[in-house]
Amino acid sequence: MFYEDRDKYHNKFMAELKAKQELESVPICFDQCVTSVAGGHGLSGEEKNCIRECYLKRVGVRDEMNIYFTQK
């Protein structure tokens, strides 16, 4: 019974951290990968792959850190 409140707030805190990490990952990766948006042609395949790889790498590191801290 006492753990229920703690778990509720812990889950809410972890959800907020996850959302913040995911929202901040996209602009960082976009700035690293995209050189110019002028021309109206959209993103090249290399730029799309770079964004995808950067984002997945950042999310993967976050998940590994969560696993590490929960195991401690």
PDB file of N, CA and C in Angstrom:
ATOM      1  N   MET A   1       0.813  -1.186   0.000  1.00  0.00           N
ATOM      2  CA  MET A   1       0.000   0.000   0.000  1.00  0.00           C
ATOM      3  C   MET A   1       0.864   1.259   0.000  1.00  0.00           C
ATOM      4  N   PHE A   2       1.925   1.263   0.767  1.00  0.00           N
ATOM      5  CA  PHE A   2       2.795   2.438   0.807  1.00  0.00           C
ATOM      6  C   PHE A   2       3.609   2.591  -0.471  1.00  0.00           C
ATOM      7  N   TYR A   3       3.840   1.480  -1.163  1.00  0.00           N
ATOM      8  CA  TYR A   3       4.647   1.534  -2.376  1.00  0.00           C
ATOM      9  C   TYR A   3       3.876   2.098  -3.555  1.00  0.00           C
ATOM     10  N   GLU A   4       2.559   2.023  -3.502  1.00  0.00           N
ATOM     11  CA  GLU A   4       1.748   2.451  -4.637  1.00  0.00           C
ATOM     12  C   GLU A   4       1.953   3.930  -4.955  1.00  0.00           C
ATOM     13  N   ASP A   5       1.934   4.792  -3.955  1.00  0.00           N
ATOM     14  CA  ASP A   5       2.137   6.225  -4.188  1.00  0.00           C
ATOM     15  C   ASP A   5       3.533   6.494  -4.735  1.00  0.00           C
ATOM     16  N   ARG A   6       4.524   5.837  -4.163  1.00  0.00           N
ATOM     17  CA  ARG A   6       5.894   6.046  -4.615  1.00  0.00           C
ATOM     18  C   ARG A   6       6.049   5.601  -6.063  1.00  0.00           C
ATOM     19  N   ASP A   7       5.485   4.444  -6.407  1.00  0.00           N
ATOM     20  CA  ASP A   7       5.575   3.953  -7.777  1.00  0.00           C
ATOM     21  C   ASP A   7       4.871   4.883  -8.747  1.00  0.00           C
ATOM     22  N   LYS A   8       3.744   5.429  -8.355  1.00  0.00           N
ATOM     23  CA  LYS A   8       3.000   6.340  -9.221  1.00  0.00           C
ATOM     24  C   LYS A   8       3.848   7.571  -9.549  1.00  0.00           C
ATOM     25  N   TYR A   9       4.466   8.162  -8.546  1.00  0.00           N
ATOM     26  CA  TYR A   9       5.285   9.352  -8.777  1.00  0.00           C
ATOM     27  C   TYR A   9       6.574   9.017  -9.510  1.00  0.00           C
ATOM     28  N   HIS A  10       7.126   7.849  -9.248  1.00  0.00           N
ATOM     29  CA  HIS A  10       8.324   7.417  -9.963  1.00  0.00           C
ATOM     30  C   HIS A  10       8.026   7.225 -11.442  1.00  0.00           C
ATOM     31  N   ASN A  11       6.914   6.564 -11.749  1.00  0.00           N
ATOM     32  CA  ASN A  11       6.526   6.351 -13.147  1.00  0.00           C
ATOM     33  C   ASN A  11       6.263   7.672 -13.859  1.00  0.00           C
ATOM     34  N   LYS A  12       5.617   8.606 -13.175  1.00  0.00           N
ATOM     35  CA  LYS A  12       5.351   9.918 -13.769  1.00  0.00           C
ATOM     36  C   LYS A  12       6.663  10.649 -14.040  1.00  0.00           C
ATOM     37  N   PHE A  13       7.592  10.602 -13.095  1.00  0.00           N
ATOM     38  CA  PHE A  13       8.885  11.255 -13.262  1.00  0.00           C
ATOM     39  C   PHE A  13       9.670  10.639 -14.418  1.00  0.00           C
ATOM     40  N   MET A  14       9.663   9.313 -14.523  1.00  0.00           N
ATOM     41  CA  MET A  14      10.382   8.643 -15.602  1.00  0.00           C
ATOM     42  C   MET A  14       9.752   8.956 -16.964  1.00  0.00           C
ATOM     43  N   ALA A  15       8.439   9.072 -17.017  1.00  0.00           N
ATOM     44  CA  ALA A  15       7.767   9.422 -18.271  1.00  0.00           C
ATOM     45  C   ALA A  15       8.131  10.837 -18.707  1.00  0.00           C
ATOM     46  N   GLU A  16       8.220  11.753 -17.744  1.00  0.00           N
ATOM     47  CA  GLU A  16       8.619  13.121 -18.070  1.00  0.00           C
ATOM     48  C   GLU A  16      10.059  13.166 -18.573  1.00  0.00           C
ATOM     49  N   LEU A  17      10.942  12.409 -17.942  1.00  0.00           N
ATOM     50  CA  LEU A  17      12.333  12.363 -18.394  1.00  0.00           C
ATOM     51  C   LEU A  17      12.438  11.786 -19.798  1.00  0.00           C
ATOM     52  N   LYS A  18      11.685  10.738 -20.067  1.00  0.00           N
ATOM     53  CA  LYS A  18      11.712  10.110 -21.393  1.00  0.00           C
ATOM     54  C   LYS A  18      11.209  11.084 -22.459  1.00  0.00           C
ATOM     55  N   ALA A  19      10.118  11.777 -22.181  1.00  0.00           N
ATOM     56  CA  ALA A  19       9.574  12.740 -23.138  1.00  0.00           C
ATOM     57  C   ALA A  19      10.560  13.874 -23.389  1.00  0.00           C
ATOM     58  N   LYS A  20      11.184  14.369 -22.333  1.00  0.00           N
ATOM     59  CA  LYS A  20      12.158  15.449 -22.480  1.00  0.00           C
ATOM     60  C   LYS A  20      13.344  14.995 -23.319  1.00  0.00           C
ATOM     61  N   GLN A  21      13.844  13.798 -23.077  1.00  0.00           N
ATOM     62  CA  GLN A  21      14.975  13.277 -23.830  1.00  0.00           C
ATOM     63  C   GLN A  21      14.637  13.126 -25.307  1.00  0.00           C
ATOM     64  N   GLU A  22      13.453  12.598 -25.591  1.00  0.00           N
ATOM     65  CA  GLU A  22      13.070  12.387 -26.980  1.00  0.00           C
ATOM     66  C   GLU A  22      12.842  13.704 -27.708  1.00  0.00           C
ATOM     67  N   LEU A  23      12.255  14.685 -27.036  1.00  0.00           N
ATOM     68  CA  LEU A  23      12.032  15.977 -27.682  1.00  0.00           C
ATOM     69  C   LEU A  23      13.335  16.719 -27.925  1.00  0.00           C
ATOM     70  N   GLU A  24      14.282  16.591 -27.016  1.00  0.00           N
ATOM     71  CA  GLU A  24      15.554  17.290 -27.183  1.00  0.00           C
ATOM     72  C   GLU A  24      16.476  16.581 -28.150  1.00  0.00           C
ATOM     73  N   SER A  25      16.267  15.309 -28.420  1.00  0.00           N
ATOM     74  CA  SER A  25      17.133  14.565 -29.326  1.00  0.00           C
ATOM     75  C   SER A  25      16.941  14.999 -30.766  1.00  0.00           C
ATOM     76  N   VAL A  26      15.713  15.290 -31.143  1.00  0.00           N
ATOM     77  CA  VAL A  26      15.434  15.606 -32.543  1.00  0.00           C
ATOM     78  C   VAL A  26      16.141  16.887 -32.997  1.00  0.00           C
ATOM     79  N   PRO A  27      16.058  18.017 -32.286  1.00  0.00           N
ATOM     80  CA  PRO A  27      16.761  19.211 -32.748  1.00  0.00           C
ATOM     81  C   PRO A  27      18.281  19.049 -32.764  1.00  0.00           C
ATOM     82  N   ILE A  28      18.842  18.346 -31.787  1.00  0.00           N
ATOM     83  CA  ILE A  28      20.295  18.142 -31.768  1.00  0.00           C
ATOM     84  C   ILE A  28      20.720  17.353 -32.994  1.00  0.00           C
ATOM     85  N   CYS A  29      20.027  16.286 -33.284  1.00  0.00           N
ATOM     86  CA  CYS A  29      20.383  15.460 -34.431  1.00  0.00           C
ATOM     87  C   CYS A  29      20.142  16.205 -35.744  1.00  0.00           C
ATOM     88  N   PHE A  30      19.087  16.987 -35.802  1.00  0.00           N
ATOM     89  CA  PHE A  30      18.806  17.739 -37.016  1.00  0.00           C
ATOM     90  C   PHE A  30      19.929  18.733 -37.289  1.00  0.00           C
ATOM     91  N   ASP A  31      20.381  19.442 -36.253  1.00  0.00           N
ATOM     92  CA  ASP A  31      21.450  20.421 -36.425  1.00  0.00           C
ATOM     93  C   ASP A  31      22.765  19.764 -36.822  1.00  0.00           C
ATOM     94  N   GLN A  32      23.020  18.560 -36.334  1.00  0.00           N
ATOM     95  CA  GLN A  32      24.263  17.866 -36.666  1.00  0.00           C
ATOM     96  C   GLN A  32      24.259  17.331 -38.090  1.00  0.00           C
ATOM     97  N   CYS A  33      23.110  16.930 -38.580  1.00  0.00           N
ATOM     98  CA  CYS A  33      23.048  16.197 -39.845  1.00  0.00           C
ATOM     99  C   CYS A  33      22.674  17.046 -41.055  1.00  0.00           C
ATOM    100  N   VAL A  34      21.867  18.061 -40.866  1.00  0.00           N
ATOM    101  CA  VAL A  34      21.355  18.827 -42.003  1.00  0.00           C
ATOM    102  C   VAL A  34      22.178  20.092 -42.176  1.00  0.00           C
ATOM    103  N   THR A  35      22.700  20.267 -43.380  1.00  0.00           N
ATOM    104  CA  THR A  35      23.535  21.444 -43.650  1.00  0.00           C
ATOM    105  C   THR A  35      22.710  22.610 -44.166  1.00  0.00           C
ATOM    106  N   SER A  36      21.729  22.334 -45.029  1.00  0.00           N
ATOM    107  CA  SER A  36      20.937  23.414 -45.602  1.00  0.00           C
ATOM    108  C   SER A  36      19.537  22.907 -45.921  1.00  0.00           C
ATOM    109  N   VAL A  37      18.553  23.756 -45.668  1.00  0.00           N
ATOM    110  CA  VAL A  37      17.172  23.411 -46.010  1.00  0.00           C
ATOM    111  C   VAL A  37      16.679  24.252 -47.182  1.00  0.00           C
ATOM    112  N   ALA A  38      17.558  25.037 -47.751  1.00  0.00           N
ATOM    113  CA  ALA A  38      17.181  25.876 -48.894  1.00  0.00           C
ATOM    114  C   ALA A  38      17.024  25.003 -50.133  1.00  0.00           C
ATOM    115  N   GLY A  39      16.201  25.419 -51.027  1.00  0.00           N
ATOM    116  CA  GLY A  39      16.027  24.715 -52.286  1.00  0.00           C
ATOM    117  C   GLY A  39      14.733  23.952 -52.375  1.00  0.00           C
ATOM    118  N   GLY A  40      14.119  23.633 -51.286  1.00  0.00           N
ATOM    119  CA  GLY A  40      12.822  22.978 -51.308  1.00  0.00           C
ATOM    120  C   GLY A  40      12.842  21.544 -51.802  1.00  0.00           C
ATOM    121  N   HIS A  41      14.001  20.892 -51.840  1.00  0.00           N
ATOM    122  CA  HIS A  41      14.075  19.512 -52.327  1.00  0.00           C
ATOM    123  C   HIS A  41      13.853  18.492 -51.221  1.00  0.00           C
ATOM    124  N   GLY A  42      13.795  18.937 -49.993  1.00  0.00           N
ATOM    125  CA  GLY A  42      13.664  18.006 -48.881  1.00  0.00           C
ATOM    126  C   GLY A  42      15.024  17.505 -48.446  1.00  0.00           C
ATOM    127  N   LEU A  43      15.027  16.542 -47.585  1.00  0.00           N
ATOM    128  CA  LEU A  43      16.278  15.994 -47.072  1.00  0.00           C
ATOM    129  C   LEU A  43      16.794  14.897 -47.989  1.00  0.00           C
ATOM    130  N   SER A  44      18.105  14.835 -48.108  1.00  0.00           N
ATOM    131  CA  SER A  44      18.704  13.766 -48.901  1.00  0.00           C
ATOM    132  C   SER A  44      18.674  12.474 -48.103  1.00  0.00           C
ATOM    133  N   GLY A  45      18.970  11.379 -48.758  1.00  0.00           N
ATOM    134  CA  GLY A  45      19.002  10.092 -48.078  1.00  0.00           C
ATOM    135  C   GLY A  45      20.063  10.042 -47.002  1.00  0.00           C
ATOM    136  N   GLU A  46      21.207  10.664 -47.261  1.00  0.00           N
ATOM    137  CA  GLU A  46      22.285  10.684 -46.273  1.00  0.00           C
ATOM    138  C   GLU A  46      21.861  11.455 -45.022  1.00  0.00           C
ATOM    139  N   GLU A  47      21.189  12.570 -45.229  1.00  0.00           N
ATOM    140  CA  GLU A  47      20.728  13.364 -44.085  1.00  0.00           C
ATOM    141  C   GLU A  47      19.676  12.607 -43.272  1.00  0.00           C
ATOM    142  N   LYS A  48      18.758  11.940 -43.946  1.00  0.00           N
ATOM    143  CA  LYS A  48      17.739  11.156 -43.247  1.00  0.00           C
ATOM    144  C   LYS A  48      18.378  10.026 -42.444  1.00  0.00           C
ATOM    145  N   ASN A  49      19.334   9.330 -43.043  1.00  0.00           N
ATOM    146  CA  ASN A  49      20.014   8.250 -42.334  1.00  0.00           C
ATOM    147  C   ASN A  49      20.800   8.773 -41.149  1.00  0.00           C
ATOM    148  N   CYS A  50      21.426   9.933 -41.301  1.00  0.00           N
ATOM    149  CA  CYS A  50      22.191  10.535 -40.218  1.00  0.00           C
ATOM    150  C   CYS A  50      21.268  10.879 -39.051  1.00  0.00           C
ATOM    151  N   ILE A  51      20.127  11.479 -39.335  1.00  0.00           N
ATOM    152  CA  ILE A  51      19.166  11.832 -38.283  1.00  0.00           C
ATOM    153  C   ILE A  51      18.659  10.569 -37.590  1.00  0.00           C
ATOM    154  N   ARG A  52      18.319   9.565 -38.372  1.00  0.00           N
ATOM    155  CA  ARG A  52      17.810   8.309 -37.809  1.00  0.00           C
ATOM    156  C   ARG A  52      18.865   7.664 -36.906  1.00  0.00           C
ATOM    157  N   GLU A  53      20.107   7.595 -37.388  1.00  0.00           N
ATOM    158  CA  GLU A  53      21.175   6.977 -36.606  1.00  0.00           C
ATOM    159  C   GLU A  53      21.464   7.768 -35.333  1.00  0.00           C
ATOM    160  N   CYS A  54      21.525   9.084 -35.437  1.00  0.00           N
ATOM    161  CA  CYS A  54      21.791   9.936 -34.281  1.00  0.00           C
ATOM    162  C   CYS A  54      20.693   9.784 -33.245  1.00  0.00           C
ATOM    163  N   TYR A  55      19.449   9.828 -33.677  1.00  0.00           N
ATOM    164  CA  TYR A  55      18.319   9.735 -32.752  1.00  0.00           C
ATOM    165  C   TYR A  55      18.290   8.382 -32.061  1.00  0.00           C
ATOM    166  N   LEU A  56      18.440   7.307 -32.841  1.00  0.00           N
ATOM    167  CA  LEU A  56      18.395   5.974 -32.250  1.00  0.00           C
ATOM    168  C   LEU A  56      19.566   5.738 -31.308  1.00  0.00           C
ATOM    169  N   LYS A  57      20.710   6.319 -31.625  1.00  0.00           N
ATOM    170  CA  LYS A  57      21.871   6.190 -30.749  1.00  0.00           C
ATOM    171  C   LYS A  57      21.606   6.890 -29.421  1.00  0.00           C
ATOM    172  N   ARG A  58      21.022   8.076 -29.460  1.00  0.00           N
ATOM    173  CA  ARG A  58      20.739   8.818 -28.234  1.00  0.00           C
ATOM    174  C   ARG A  58      19.682   8.097 -27.390  1.00  0.00           C
ATOM    175  N   VAL A  59      18.651   7.580 -28.033  1.00  0.00           N
ATOM    176  CA  VAL A  59      17.609   6.866 -27.305  1.00  0.00           C
ATOM    177  C   VAL A  59      18.167   5.563 -26.742  1.00  0.00           C
ATOM    178  N   GLY A  60      19.037   4.883 -27.504  1.00  0.00           N
ATOM    179  CA  GLY A  60      19.643   3.644 -27.026  1.00  0.00           C
ATOM    180  C   GLY A  60      20.522   3.872 -25.809  1.00  0.00           C
ATOM    181  N   VAL A  61      21.286   4.951 -25.809  1.00  0.00           N
ATOM    182  CA  VAL A  61      22.132   5.266 -24.655  1.00  0.00           C
ATOM    183  C   VAL A  61      21.267   5.554 -23.443  1.00  0.00           C
ATOM    184  N   ARG A  62      20.177   6.265 -23.637  1.00  0.00           N
ATOM    185  CA  ARG A  62      19.270   6.546 -22.527  1.00  0.00           C
ATOM    186  C   ARG A  62      18.717   5.254 -21.936  1.00  0.00           C
ATOM    187  N   ASP A  63      18.315   4.325 -22.810  1.00  0.00           N
ATOM    188  CA  ASP A  63      17.766   3.061 -22.322  1.00  0.00           C
ATOM    189  C   ASP A  63      18.820   2.245 -21.581  1.00  0.00           C
ATOM    190  N   GLU A  64      20.053   2.254 -22.080  1.00  0.00           N
ATOM    191  CA  GLU A  64      21.126   1.530 -21.406  1.00  0.00           C
ATOM    192  C   GLU A  64      21.411   2.135 -20.033  1.00  0.00           C
ATOM    193  N   MET A  65      21.365   3.454 -19.930  1.00  0.00           N
ATOM    194  CA  MET A  65      21.588   4.097 -18.642  1.00  0.00           C
ATOM    195  C   MET A  65      20.466   3.750 -17.662  1.00  0.00           C
ATOM    196  N   ASN A  66      19.229   3.708 -18.153  1.00  0.00           N
ATOM    197  CA  ASN A  66      18.105   3.329 -17.289  1.00  0.00           C
ATOM    198  C   ASN A  66      18.274   1.911 -16.759  1.00  0.00           C
ATOM    199  N   ILE A  67      18.691   1.008 -17.637  1.00  0.00           N
ATOM    200  CA  ILE A  67      18.915  -0.378 -17.217  1.00  0.00           C
ATOM    201  C   ILE A  67      20.037  -0.443 -16.191  1.00  0.00           C
ATOM    202  N   TYR A  68      21.103   0.292 -16.442  1.00  0.00           N
ATOM    203  CA  TYR A  68      22.236   0.312 -15.514  1.00  0.00           C
ATOM    204  C   TYR A  68      21.820   0.794 -14.136  1.00  0.00           C
ATOM    205  N   PHE A  69      21.059   1.894 -14.084  1.00  0.00           N
ATOM    206  CA  PHE A  69      20.670   2.447 -12.800  1.00  0.00           C
ATOM    207  C   PHE A  69      19.652   1.589 -12.062  1.00  0.00           C
ATOM    208  N   THR A  70      18.782   0.901 -12.810  1.00  0.00           N
ATOM    209  CA  THR A  70      17.818   0.051 -12.135  1.00  0.00           C
ATOM    210  C   THR A  70      18.463  -1.212 -11.589  1.00  0.00           C
ATOM    211  N   GLN A  71      19.574  -1.639 -12.181  1.00  0.00           N
ATOM    212  CA  GLN A  71      20.268  -2.824 -11.696  1.00  0.00           C
ATOM    213  C   GLN A  71      21.090  -2.534 -10.454  1.00  0.00           C
ATOM    214  N   LYS A  72      21.463  -1.274 -10.244  1.00  0.00           N
ATOM    215  CA  LYS A  72      22.283  -0.922  -9.081  1.00  0.00           C
ATOM    216  C   LYS A  72      21.509  -0.979  -7.815  1.00  0.00           C
TER     217      LYS A  72
END
